[in-house]
């Protein structure tokens, strides 16, 4: 009997140990059978001078290295509540290389701002990391002449995560940023006698004086015909004292109430020249000439000009078509049916192919990229929805500019057509390299003009339509193009 009691006493600690372990085993099962991830730091992916620890960053799609423990087997990584795509081949137990996703700060859940959440099959963790937009800027006001109660917009960059806003010294408590943070809308308050604007955001402060010096941002049709309606777009185009187009004085015009445009009927022109406007607050003029198809031209399809077609690609060239009234010169027509997924290329009827031409004078190759723009006139006579007009040069792996006027935002489209001929201006800074994930024309913007046209500035040009969607386009494309050119705009 004593022996049996002894055995019972010996096994008792063993049974107690098993009992104590049972809750721990259940906890591990709930967590996925392993240790939860731990983030120790976020470092720069580019070692300059070393793997610098980042305490904050401006969201611009850069790559970073997350260091810590148990980082393998990731199921989700989110920055400021926005999920990032990742490649697990770049992960190790103590590090993970990941690209910060594109973040629209106007739409994020602000309770998740400045956090990185890392989830694996064994658990999750949240790490504090100040990731946000750059400091705000304000470049223009839609209507400094607005009356109290009118709708007004500030234009600039990073106008999101606004914490405080004063206009003319008066607090504005209700306002709304657009998706990309380039405008801030509000109702004009009854302002006090001050000329200052103050915008305080999570990322910085902008304080500027309210001014009304006019600016010209674009012209509806730089090569319009006599009798056409022409719009000059810009800011503060109100109380205009004089307006000239190609050196010709415009004696009759109509301003919009918010000062964003002035409209007139084009008279007979005798020369090329800038567009200029003078108000009681100042003056503005374009650095480029209008009524000018010769400067920087790649092709104008004229026998006596620069026809420059490779004689294949495109649909056909013509003049005087009733589908494209208002242009008596020759132009190129591009016509397609509904495009299947991935359909469209630089060959056959999908493309307009042009021989080599001097895009930018060799002497200007080292100019700022944003100082030059690719321009053309276009007439889209039938509703167009889906399919991208790509513009590229003859340089190997040429960066691409994508023209998609039917694309309203990341999720919304609307059929697009023009009312006659218009001028499209695409700054060379809009030409982007290919991105392995996002596709053609979605990578880094070019930093040198030579990246697009080579060291001489002379190269061929291709304008074509391509369907990047995984679904067929809603419509085909039917439009005419004229006067492809590259012009200095700043």
Protein backbone atom coordinates (compact mmCIF):
# COMPACT_ATOMS: atom_id res chain seq x y z
CA UNK A 1 0.00 0.00 0.00
CA UNK A 2 2.82 2.37 0.78
CA UNK A 3 4.30 1.58 -2.61
CA UNK A 4 1.07 2.52 -4.41
CA UNK A 5 0.83 5.80 -2.49
CA UNK A 6 4.39 6.57 -3.46
CA UNK A 7 3.60 6.02 -7.11
CA UNK A 8 0.58 8.28 -6.90
CA UNK A 9 2.69 11.02 -5.36
CA UNK A 10 5.35 10.64 -8.05
CA UNK A 11 2.89 10.96 -10.92
CA UNK A 12 1.02 13.90 -9.40
CA UNK A 13 3.60 16.58 -10.50
CA UNK A 14 3.58 15.08 -13.99
CA UNK A 15 -0.19 15.39 -14.25
CA UNK A 16 -0.04 18.96 -12.88
CA UNK A 17 2.57 19.84 -15.50
CA UNK A 18 0.36 18.48 -18.30
CA UNK A 19 -2.59 20.43 -16.98
CA UNK A 20 -0.54 23.61 -16.84
CA UNK A 21 0.58 23.18 -20.44
CA UNK A 22 -2.93 22.68 -21.84
CA UNK A 23 -3.95 26.39 -21.82
CA UNK A 24 -0.64 27.38 -23.46
CA UNK A 25 -1.18 24.86 -26.25
CA UNK A 26 -4.65 26.25 -26.89
CA UNK A 27 -3.28 29.83 -27.10
CA UNK A 28 -0.69 28.84 -29.72
CA UNK A 29 -3.35 27.15 -31.80
CA UNK A 30 -5.42 30.34 -31.87
CA UNK A 31 -2.39 32.29 -33.00
CA UNK A 32 -1.56 29.91 -35.83
CA UNK A 33 0.85 27.63 -34.05
CA UNK A 34 3.83 30.02 -33.79
CA UNK A 35 5.06 33.38 -32.54
CA UNK A 36 3.43 36.61 -33.68
CA UNK A 37 5.48 39.04 -35.81
CA UNK A 38 7.44 41.85 -34.22
CA UNK A 39 8.57 45.02 -36.03
CA UNK A 40 11.74 46.61 -34.71
CA UNK A 41 12.36 49.25 -37.38
CA UNK A 42 11.67 50.38 -40.94
CA UNK A 43 14.77 51.12 -42.98
CA UNK A 44 15.59 52.66 -46.31
CA UNK A 45 15.91 50.06 -49.05
CA UNK A 46 18.63 52.16 -50.67
CA UNK A 47 21.70 52.07 -48.43
CA UNK A 48 22.78 55.71 -48.42
CA UNK A 49 25.09 55.88 -46.61
CA UNK A 50 23.91 52.80 -44.69
CA UNK A 51 20.58 51.12 -44.08
CA UNK A 52 19.13 54.28 -42.57
CA UNK A 53 16.36 53.80 -40.03
CA UNK A 54 13.31 55.78 -41.12
CA UNK A 55 11.19 57.48 -38.50
CA UNK A 56 9.00 59.13 -41.12
CA UNK A 57 8.55 59.19 -44.88
CA UNK A 58 6.61 60.88 -47.65
CA UNK A 59 4.48 58.32 -49.49
CA UNK A 60 5.79 58.10 -53.04
CA UNK A 61 5.92 54.39 -53.81
CA UNK A 62 9.41 53.83 -52.45
CA UNK A 63 10.75 50.47 -51.30
CA UNK A 64 11.55 49.91 -47.61
CA UNK A 65 12.91 47.11 -45.46
CA UNK A 66 10.87 46.09 -42.42
CA UNK A 67 13.09 44.48 -39.78
CA UNK A 68 12.09 42.50 -36.72
CA UNK A 69 11.18 38.94 -35.89
CA UNK A 70 8.84 36.26 -37.27
CA UNK A 71 8.22 38.23 -40.47
CA UNK A 72 7.95 35.22 -42.76
CA UNK A 73 4.57 33.89 -43.90
CA UNK A 74 3.03 37.37 -44.20
CA UNK A 75 -0.63 37.46 -45.18
CA UNK A 76 -1.18 41.23 -45.19
CA UNK A 77 0.96 44.34 -44.85
CA UNK A 78 -0.76 47.71 -44.74
CA UNK A 79 0.55 51.26 -44.53
CA UNK A 80 -1.87 53.81 -43.08
CA UNK A 81 -4.58 51.19 -43.57
CA UNK A 82 -3.79 50.66 -47.28
CA UNK A 83 -2.73 47.15 -48.24
CA UNK A 84 0.59 46.73 -50.03
CA UNK A 85 1.36 44.07 -52.60
CA UNK A 86 4.45 42.04 -51.81
CA UNK A 87 6.64 39.17 -52.95
CA UNK A 88 7.31 36.64 -50.17
CA UNK A 89 10.56 35.67 -51.91
CA UNK A 90 11.95 38.95 -50.56
CA UNK A 91 11.16 37.94 -46.97
CA UNK A 92 13.24 36.37 -44.24
CA UNK A 93 12.39 35.68 -40.58
CA UNK A 94 13.96 38.99 -39.55
CA UNK A 95 13.35 41.20 -42.60
CA UNK A 96 10.84 41.92 -45.36
CA UNK A 97 11.34 44.08 -48.45
CA UNK A 98 8.10 45.76 -49.53
CA UNK A 99 6.97 48.72 -51.62
CA UNK A 100 4.87 51.41 -49.98
CA UNK A 101 1.54 51.40 -51.83
CA UNK A 102 -0.09 54.35 -53.55
CA UNK A 103 -2.10 56.13 -50.86
CA UNK A 104 -4.94 58.59 -51.36
CA UNK A 105 -4.82 60.43 -48.07
CA UNK A 106 -8.16 62.10 -48.77
CA UNK A 107 -9.93 58.75 -48.43
CA UNK A 108 -8.00 56.78 -45.79
CA UNK A 109 -9.28 55.79 -42.36
CA UNK A 110 -7.51 58.43 -40.26
CA UNK A 111 -7.56 56.15 -37.20
CA UNK A 112 -4.97 54.06 -39.05
CA UNK A 113 -2.81 57.01 -40.07
CA UNK A 114 0.89 56.72 -39.21
CA UNK A 115 0.71 52.97 -38.62
CA UNK A 116 2.06 49.86 -40.31
CA UNK A 117 0.10 46.67 -39.66
CA UNK A 118 1.86 43.39 -40.31
CA UNK A 119 -0.12 40.13 -40.26
CA UNK A 120 1.19 36.58 -40.65
CA UNK A 121 -0.28 33.14 -40.24
CA UNK A 122 0.72 33.29 -36.57
CA UNK A 123 -0.59 36.71 -35.57
CA UNK A 124 -0.27 40.41 -36.23
CA UNK A 125 1.34 43.58 -34.93
CA UNK A 126 0.98 47.32 -35.42
CA UNK A 127 3.99 49.63 -35.63
CA UNK A 128 3.97 53.43 -35.37
CA UNK A 129 5.46 55.02 -38.49
CA UNK A 130 4.84 58.57 -39.66
CA UNK A 131 4.02 58.02 -43.32
CA UNK A 132 2.16 60.83 -45.01
CA UNK A 133 2.06 63.31 -47.88
CA UNK A 134 4.55 66.11 -48.39
CA UNK A 135 3.90 69.57 -47.01
CA UNK A 136 0.95 71.37 -48.63
CA UNK A 137 1.24 74.05 -51.29
CA UNK A 138 -1.31 76.48 -52.69
CA UNK A 139 -0.74 77.72 -56.23
CA UNK A 140 -4.09 79.28 -57.13
CA UNK A 141 -7.54 80.23 -55.91
CA UNK A 142 -10.50 79.54 -58.17
CA UNK A 143 -12.23 82.84 -57.42
CA UNK A 144 -10.78 85.52 -55.20
CA UNK A 145 -13.75 87.66 -56.26
CA UNK A 146 -16.30 85.25 -54.80
CA UNK A 147 -19.08 86.59 -52.61
CA UNK A 148 -19.87 85.08 -49.20
CA UNK A 149 -21.72 81.80 -49.78
CA UNK A 150 -20.06 81.09 -53.16
CA UNK A 151 -18.22 77.82 -53.78
CA UNK A 152 -14.44 78.31 -53.99
CA UNK A 153 -11.43 76.01 -54.46
CA UNK A 154 -7.81 76.33 -53.50
CA UNK A 155 -5.49 74.57 -55.96
CA UNK A 156 -2.09 73.14 -55.12
CA UNK A 157 -0.64 69.90 -53.79
CA UNK A 158 -1.10 67.74 -50.68
CA UNK A 159 -4.21 69.60 -49.55
CA UNK A 160 -5.31 66.67 -47.39
CA UNK A 161 -5.48 65.82 -43.69
CA UNK A 162 -6.35 69.47 -43.04
CA UNK A 163 -6.44 70.40 -39.36
CA UNK A 164 -6.96 74.16 -39.58
CA UNK A 165 -8.00 76.51 -42.38
CA UNK A 166 -8.34 80.28 -42.32
CA UNK A 167 -9.34 82.35 -45.34
CA UNK A 168 -8.93 86.10 -45.05
CA UNK A 169 -8.46 85.63 -41.33
CA UNK A 170 -11.82 83.86 -40.93
CA UNK A 171 -11.85 80.20 -39.77
CA UNK A 172 -13.36 77.81 -42.31
CA UNK A 173 -14.70 74.73 -40.53
CA UNK A 174 -16.27 72.86 -43.44
CA UNK A 175 -14.13 71.95 -46.46
CA UNK A 176 -13.43 69.00 -48.74
CA UNK A 177 -10.27 67.78 -50.47
CA UNK A 178 -10.46 66.07 -53.84
CA UNK A 179 -9.07 62.55 -54.24
CA UNK A 180 -5.50 63.47 -55.16
CA UNK A 181 -5.24 66.46 -52.83
CA UNK A 182 -4.83 69.02 -55.62
CA UNK A 183 -7.82 71.10 -54.58
CA UNK A 184 -9.61 72.10 -51.39
CA UNK A 185 -13.22 73.17 -51.78
CA UNK A 186 -15.12 75.39 -49.36
CA UNK A 187 -17.85 78.01 -49.12
CA UNK A 188 -16.57 81.59 -49.07
CA UNK A 189 -17.04 83.03 -45.58
CA UNK A 190 -17.73 86.62 -44.72
CA UNK A 191 -14.06 87.51 -44.60
CA UNK A 192 -12.35 89.99 -42.38
CA UNK A 193 -10.10 92.70 -43.90
CA UNK A 194 -6.98 90.57 -44.26
CA UNK A 195 -5.34 89.11 -47.33
CA UNK A 196 -3.84 85.95 -45.82
CA UNK A 197 -4.64 82.25 -46.23
CA UNK A 198 -3.52 79.71 -43.65
CA UNK A 199 -3.80 75.95 -44.22
CA UNK A 200 -2.45 73.62 -41.55
CA UNK A 201 -2.29 69.91 -42.36
CA UNK A 202 -0.78 66.88 -40.66
CA UNK A 203 2.30 67.30 -42.83
CA UNK A 204 2.91 71.02 -42.69
CA UNK A 205 1.64 74.58 -43.03
CA UNK A 206 1.17 76.95 -45.92
CA UNK A 207 0.65 80.66 -45.31
CA UNK A 208 0.30 82.94 -48.30
CA UNK A 209 -0.98 86.28 -49.38
CA UNK A 210 -4.15 86.41 -51.44
CA UNK A 211 -3.30 87.87 -54.83
CA UNK A 212 -5.16 88.14 -58.11
CA UNK A 213 -2.41 88.26 -60.71
CA UNK A 214 -3.80 86.42 -63.77
CA UNK A 215 -2.35 83.18 -65.08
CA UNK A 216 -2.90 81.35 -68.37
CA UNK A 217 -2.88 77.56 -68.04
CA UNK A 218 -4.15 76.44 -71.45
CA UNK A 219 -5.91 77.40 -74.68
CA UNK A 220 -8.86 75.37 -75.94
CA UNK A 221 -7.54 75.40 -79.52
CA UNK A 222 -4.19 76.99 -80.28
CA UNK A 223 -4.67 76.61 -84.04
CA UNK A 224 -8.33 77.46 -84.43
CA UNK A 225 -9.94 78.82 -87.59
CA UNK A 226 -11.57 82.20 -88.05
CA UNK A 227 -15.05 82.18 -86.53
CA UNK A 228 -14.31 79.41 -84.03
CA UNK A 229 -15.05 79.85 -80.34
CA UNK A 230 -11.82 79.87 -78.34
CA UNK A 231 -11.36 79.66 -74.58
CA UNK A 232 -8.41 80.94 -72.61
CA UNK A 233 -8.19 79.02 -69.33
CA UNK A 234 -6.37 80.12 -66.20
CA UNK A 235 -6.90 81.91 -62.93
CA UNK A 236 -7.98 85.45 -62.06
CA UNK A 237 -9.18 86.10 -65.60
CA UNK A 238 -11.57 88.76 -64.42
CA UNK A 239 -11.76 92.52 -64.85
CA UNK A 240 -9.79 92.04 -68.08
CA UNK A 241 -8.53 95.25 -69.61
CA UNK A 242 -6.95 93.76 -72.75
CA UNK A 243 -6.70 90.35 -74.42
CA UNK A 244 -4.69 89.39 -77.49
CA UNK A 245 -4.37 86.13 -79.42
CA UNK A 246 -1.37 85.60 -81.73
CA UNK A 247 -0.66 89.32 -81.56
CA UNK A 248 -4.21 90.22 -82.62
CA UNK A 249 -6.27 92.30 -80.21
CA UNK A 250 -9.54 90.66 -79.17
CA UNK A 251 -12.10 93.41 -78.74
CA UNK A 252 -15.06 91.30 -77.60
CA UNK A 253 -14.86 88.53 -75.02
CA UNK A 254 -16.80 87.09 -72.11
CA UNK A 255 -15.36 86.25 -68.70
CA UNK A 256 -16.69 83.55 -66.39
CA UNK A 257 -17.82 84.73 -62.99
CA UNK A 258 -15.10 82.74 -61.21
CA UNK A 259 -12.31 84.08 -63.42
CA UNK A 260 -11.24 80.65 -64.73
CA UNK A 261 -11.75 81.37 -68.42
CA UNK A 262 -12.46 83.95 -71.08
CA UNK A 263 -14.28 83.12 -74.31
CA UNK A 264 -14.24 84.87 -77.67
CA UNK A 265 -14.82 84.29 -81.38
CA UNK A 266 -11.54 84.14 -83.26
CA UNK A 267 -11.04 86.93 -85.81
CA UNK A 268 -8.85 86.69 -88.89
CA UNK A 269 -5.21 86.24 -87.88
CA UNK A 270 -2.21 87.56 -89.77
CA UNK A 271 0.67 86.08 -87.77
CA UNK A 272 1.74 83.80 -84.94
CA UNK A 273 2.28 85.07 -81.44
CA UNK A 274 1.58 84.53 -77.74
CA UNK A 275 -1.70 84.84 -75.89
CA UNK A 276 -1.65 87.70 -73.41
CA UNK A 277 -4.09 89.13 -70.91
CA UNK A 278 -3.97 92.20 -68.73
CA UNK A 279 -6.22 92.91 -65.74
CA UNK A 280 -6.18 95.64 -63.15
CA UNK A 281 -4.14 93.27 -60.96
CA UNK A 282 -1.40 92.34 -63.44
CA UNK A 283 -0.60 90.62 -66.74
CA UNK A 284 0.15 87.15 -68.07
CA UNK A 285 1.32 85.76 -71.41
CA UNK A 286 2.19 82.36 -72.84
CA UNK A 287 5.85 81.64 -73.56
CA UNK A 288 4.76 79.73 -76.67
CA UNK A 289 3.06 81.06 -79.79
CA UNK A 290 -0.40 80.16 -81.02
CA UNK A 291 -1.43 79.99 -84.66
CA UNK A 292 1.91 78.23 -85.08
CA UNK A 293 2.25 74.66 -86.34
CA UNK A 294 5.85 74.99 -87.52
CA UNK A 295 7.70 75.34 -84.20
CA UNK A 296 8.76 71.95 -82.87
CA UNK A 297 6.61 70.05 -85.34
CA UNK A 298 6.95 66.30 -85.66
CA UNK A 299 4.17 65.99 -88.24
CA UNK A 300 1.42 68.23 -89.56
CA UNK A 301 0.45 65.91 -92.46
CA UNK A 302 0.90 68.69 -94.99
CA UNK A 303 2.67 68.12 -98.32
CA UNK A 304 4.26 71.53 -98.06
CA UNK A 305 4.92 71.19 -94.34
CA UNK A 306 6.10 68.09 -92.53
CA UNK A 307 4.02 65.14 -93.70
CA UNK A 308 6.41 62.67 -92.06
CA UNK A 309 4.16 59.57 -92.15
CA UNK A 310 5.86 56.18 -92.43
CA UNK A 311 3.13 55.21 -94.93
CA UNK A 312 1.79 52.44 -92.76
CA UNK A 313 0.05 52.33 -89.44
CA UNK A 314 -2.92 54.53 -88.70
CA UNK A 315 -6.23 54.33 -90.45
CA UNK A 316 -5.93 57.03 -93.12
CA UNK A 317 -5.16 60.70 -93.68
CA UNK A 318 -7.68 63.11 -95.09
CA UNK A 319 -8.97 66.68 -95.08
CA UNK A 320 -12.39 68.25 -95.19
CA UNK A 321 -14.23 65.27 -93.68
CA UNK A 322 -17.75 66.17 -92.48
CA UNK A 323 -16.99 64.15 -89.33
CA UNK A 324 -14.20 66.59 -88.38
CA UNK A 325 -15.31 70.09 -89.43
CA UNK A 326 -13.30 73.20 -88.69
CA UNK A 327 -9.98 72.04 -90.14
CA UNK A 328 -9.31 72.54 -93.84
CA UNK A 329 -5.79 71.07 -93.66
CA UNK A 330 -4.77 67.41 -93.82
CA UNK A 331 -4.92 65.29 -90.67
CA UNK A 332 -4.62 61.67 -89.61
CA UNK A 333 -7.67 59.63 -88.61
CA UNK A 334 -7.51 56.72 -86.18
CA UNK A 335 -10.50 54.41 -86.15
CA UNK A 336 -10.98 51.15 -84.24
CA UNK A 337 -13.78 48.94 -83.12
CA UNK A 338 -14.26 47.67 -79.58
CA UNK A 339 -10.86 46.50 -78.30
CA UNK A 340 -10.39 43.12 -76.65
CA UNK A 341 -8.25 42.87 -73.49
CA UNK A 342 -4.59 43.74 -74.30
CA UNK A 343 -5.51 44.60 -77.91
CA UNK A 344 -3.70 47.45 -79.67
CA UNK A 345 -0.06 48.03 -80.55
CA UNK A 346 2.33 50.21 -82.53
CA UNK A 347 1.53 48.45 -85.81
CA UNK A 348 -1.29 48.35 -88.34
CA UNK A 349 -4.43 50.45 -87.93
CA UNK A 350 -3.88 50.86 -84.19
CA UNK A 351 -1.02 53.32 -84.59
CA UNK A 352 0.12 56.52 -86.24
CA UNK A 353 3.81 56.04 -87.06
CA UNK A 354 6.06 58.97 -87.84
CA UNK A 355 9.67 59.21 -88.98
CA UNK A 356 12.44 60.94 -87.09
CA UNK A 357 12.05 64.63 -86.25
CA UNK A 358 13.64 67.18 -83.95
CA UNK A 359 11.48 67.03 -80.81
CA UNK A 360 13.70 69.38 -78.80
CA UNK A 361 16.64 71.46 -80.08
CA UNK A 362 19.93 69.85 -79.10
CA UNK A 363 20.86 73.04 -77.26
CA UNK A 364 17.87 72.51 -74.93
CA UNK A 365 18.39 68.84 -74.06
CA UNK A 366 19.46 69.75 -70.53
CA UNK A 367 16.45 71.97 -69.84
CA UNK A 368 14.03 71.07 -67.06
CA UNK A 369 11.69 68.30 -68.24
CA UNK A 370 8.60 70.22 -67.12
CA UNK A 371 9.56 73.19 -69.32
CA UNK A 372 8.56 71.35 -72.49
CA UNK A 373 5.35 69.68 -73.63
CA UNK A 374 4.03 67.40 -76.37
CA UNK A 375 1.07 69.08 -78.07
CA UNK A 376 -1.45 68.14 -80.71
CA UNK A 377 -4.89 69.05 -81.99
CA UNK A 378 -7.53 66.34 -81.82
CA UNK A 379 -11.19 65.92 -82.69
CA UNK A 380 -12.95 62.94 -81.08
CA UNK A 381 -16.24 62.99 -82.93
CA UNK A 382 -17.89 59.94 -81.35
CA UNK A 383 -18.13 58.97 -77.65
CA UNK A 384 -15.00 57.16 -76.52
CA UNK A 385 -14.75 55.04 -73.39
CA UNK A 386 -11.84 52.66 -72.89
CA UNK A 387 -8.47 52.18 -74.54
CA UNK A 388 -5.46 54.41 -73.98
CA UNK A 389 -3.79 56.71 -76.49
CA UNK A 390 -0.09 56.04 -75.89
CA UNK A 391 2.64 58.41 -77.05
CA UNK A 392 6.23 57.21 -77.27
CA UNK A 393 9.43 57.98 -79.11
CA UNK A 394 11.76 55.77 -81.12
CA UNK A 395 14.21 55.40 -78.22
CA UNK A 396 14.57 51.80 -76.99
CA UNK A 397 12.27 51.12 -74.03
CA UNK A 398 10.83 54.57 -74.53
CA UNK A 399 8.83 56.04 -71.65
CA UNK A 400 5.17 56.53 -72.47
CA UNK A 401 2.61 59.27 -71.93
CA UNK A 402 -0.94 57.96 -71.58
CA UNK A 403 -3.95 60.05 -72.67
CA UNK A 404 -7.16 58.74 -71.09
CA UNK A 405 -9.66 61.61 -70.85
CA UNK A 406 -12.54 59.16 -70.27
CA UNK A 407 -10.87 58.05 -67.00
CA UNK A 408 -12.35 60.28 -64.28
CA UNK A 409 -10.62 58.57 -61.34
CA UNK A 410 -9.31 55.15 -60.35
CA UNK A 411 -12.77 53.55 -60.50
CA UNK A 412 -14.99 55.81 -62.63
CA UNK A 413 -15.15 56.37 -66.39
CA UNK A 414 -17.38 58.46 -68.61
CA UNK A 415 -17.70 58.54 -72.38
CA UNK A 416 -15.60 61.35 -73.84
CA UNK A 417 -16.00 63.38 -77.02
CA UNK A 418 -14.85 66.83 -78.09
CA UNK A 419 -16.88 69.68 -79.47
CA UNK A 420 -14.78 70.16 -82.55
CA UNK A 421 -11.01 70.50 -82.51
CA UNK A 422 -9.12 71.07 -79.27
CA UNK A 423 -5.47 71.34 -78.26
CA UNK A 424 -4.06 68.70 -75.89
CA UNK A 425 -0.93 69.58 -73.92
CA UNK A 426 1.07 66.82 -72.25
CA UNK A 427 4.15 68.03 -70.32
CA UNK A 428 7.20 65.88 -70.97
CA UNK A 429 7.24 65.27 -67.20
CA UNK A 430 4.13 63.12 -67.80
CA UNK A 431 6.17 60.59 -69.79
CA UNK A 432 6.83 57.65 -67.49
CA UNK A 433 8.83 54.47 -67.68
CA UNK A 434 7.22 51.04 -67.49
CA UNK A 435 6.47 49.60 -64.07
CA UNK A 436 6.75 45.80 -63.70
CA UNK A 437 3.51 45.70 -61.72
CA UNK A 438 1.44 48.65 -62.90
CA UNK A 439 2.42 48.50 -66.57
CA UNK A 440 3.48 50.84 -69.38
CA UNK A 441 3.67 54.53 -68.58
CA UNK A 442 3.02 53.92 -64.87
CA UNK A 443 6.55 53.89 -63.49
CA UNK A 444 8.95 56.69 -62.63
CA UNK A 445 8.66 59.96 -64.52
CA UNK A 446 11.61 60.85 -66.71
CA UNK A 447 14.16 63.15 -65.11
CA UNK A 448 16.01 64.16 -68.29
CA UNK A 449 14.69 65.11 -71.71
CA UNK A 450 17.34 62.82 -73.20
CA UNK A 451 15.56 59.86 -71.52
CA UNK A 452 12.79 60.42 -74.06
CA UNK A 453 14.49 61.75 -77.19
CA UNK A 454 18.15 60.76 -76.86
CA UNK A 455 21.14 63.12 -76.76
CA UNK A 456 20.40 64.70 -80.15
CA UNK A 457 16.72 65.43 -79.50
CA UNK A 458 15.85 63.81 -82.83
CA UNK A 459 13.82 60.60 -82.92
CA UNK A 460 10.71 59.01 -84.43
CA UNK A 461 7.25 59.18 -82.86
CA UNK A 462 4.43 56.69 -82.40
CA UNK A 463 0.88 57.43 -81.26
CA UNK A 464 -1.27 54.35 -80.83
CA UNK A 465 -4.24 52.94 -78.96
CA UNK A 466 -4.01 50.03 -76.53
CA UNK A 467 -6.50 48.43 -74.17
CA UNK A 468 -4.81 47.86 -70.82
CA UNK A 469 -7.98 46.53 -69.22
CA UNK A 470 -8.78 42.88 -68.61
CA UNK A 471 -12.19 43.51 -70.18
CA UNK A 472 -13.22 44.70 -73.63
CA UNK A 473 -13.57 48.46 -74.09
CA UNK A 474 -17.05 49.93 -73.89
CA UNK A 475 -16.59 51.66 -77.28
CA UNK A 476 -14.24 51.90 -80.18
CA UNK A 477 -12.24 55.02 -81.02
CA UNK A 478 -12.89 57.44 -83.85
CA UNK A 479 -10.85 60.61 -83.87
CA UNK A 480 -8.58 62.80 -85.97
CA UNK A 481 -5.13 64.12 -85.02
CA UNK A 482 -3.15 67.05 -86.34
CA UNK A 483 0.01 69.07 -85.65
CA UNK A 484 2.07 66.78 -83.43
CA UNK A 485 4.74 69.04 -81.95
CA UNK A 486 6.96 69.64 -78.91
CA UNK A 487 6.92 73.17 -77.55
CA UNK A 488 8.55 75.04 -74.68
CA UNK A 489 5.83 75.97 -72.18
CA UNK A 490 7.87 77.54 -69.35
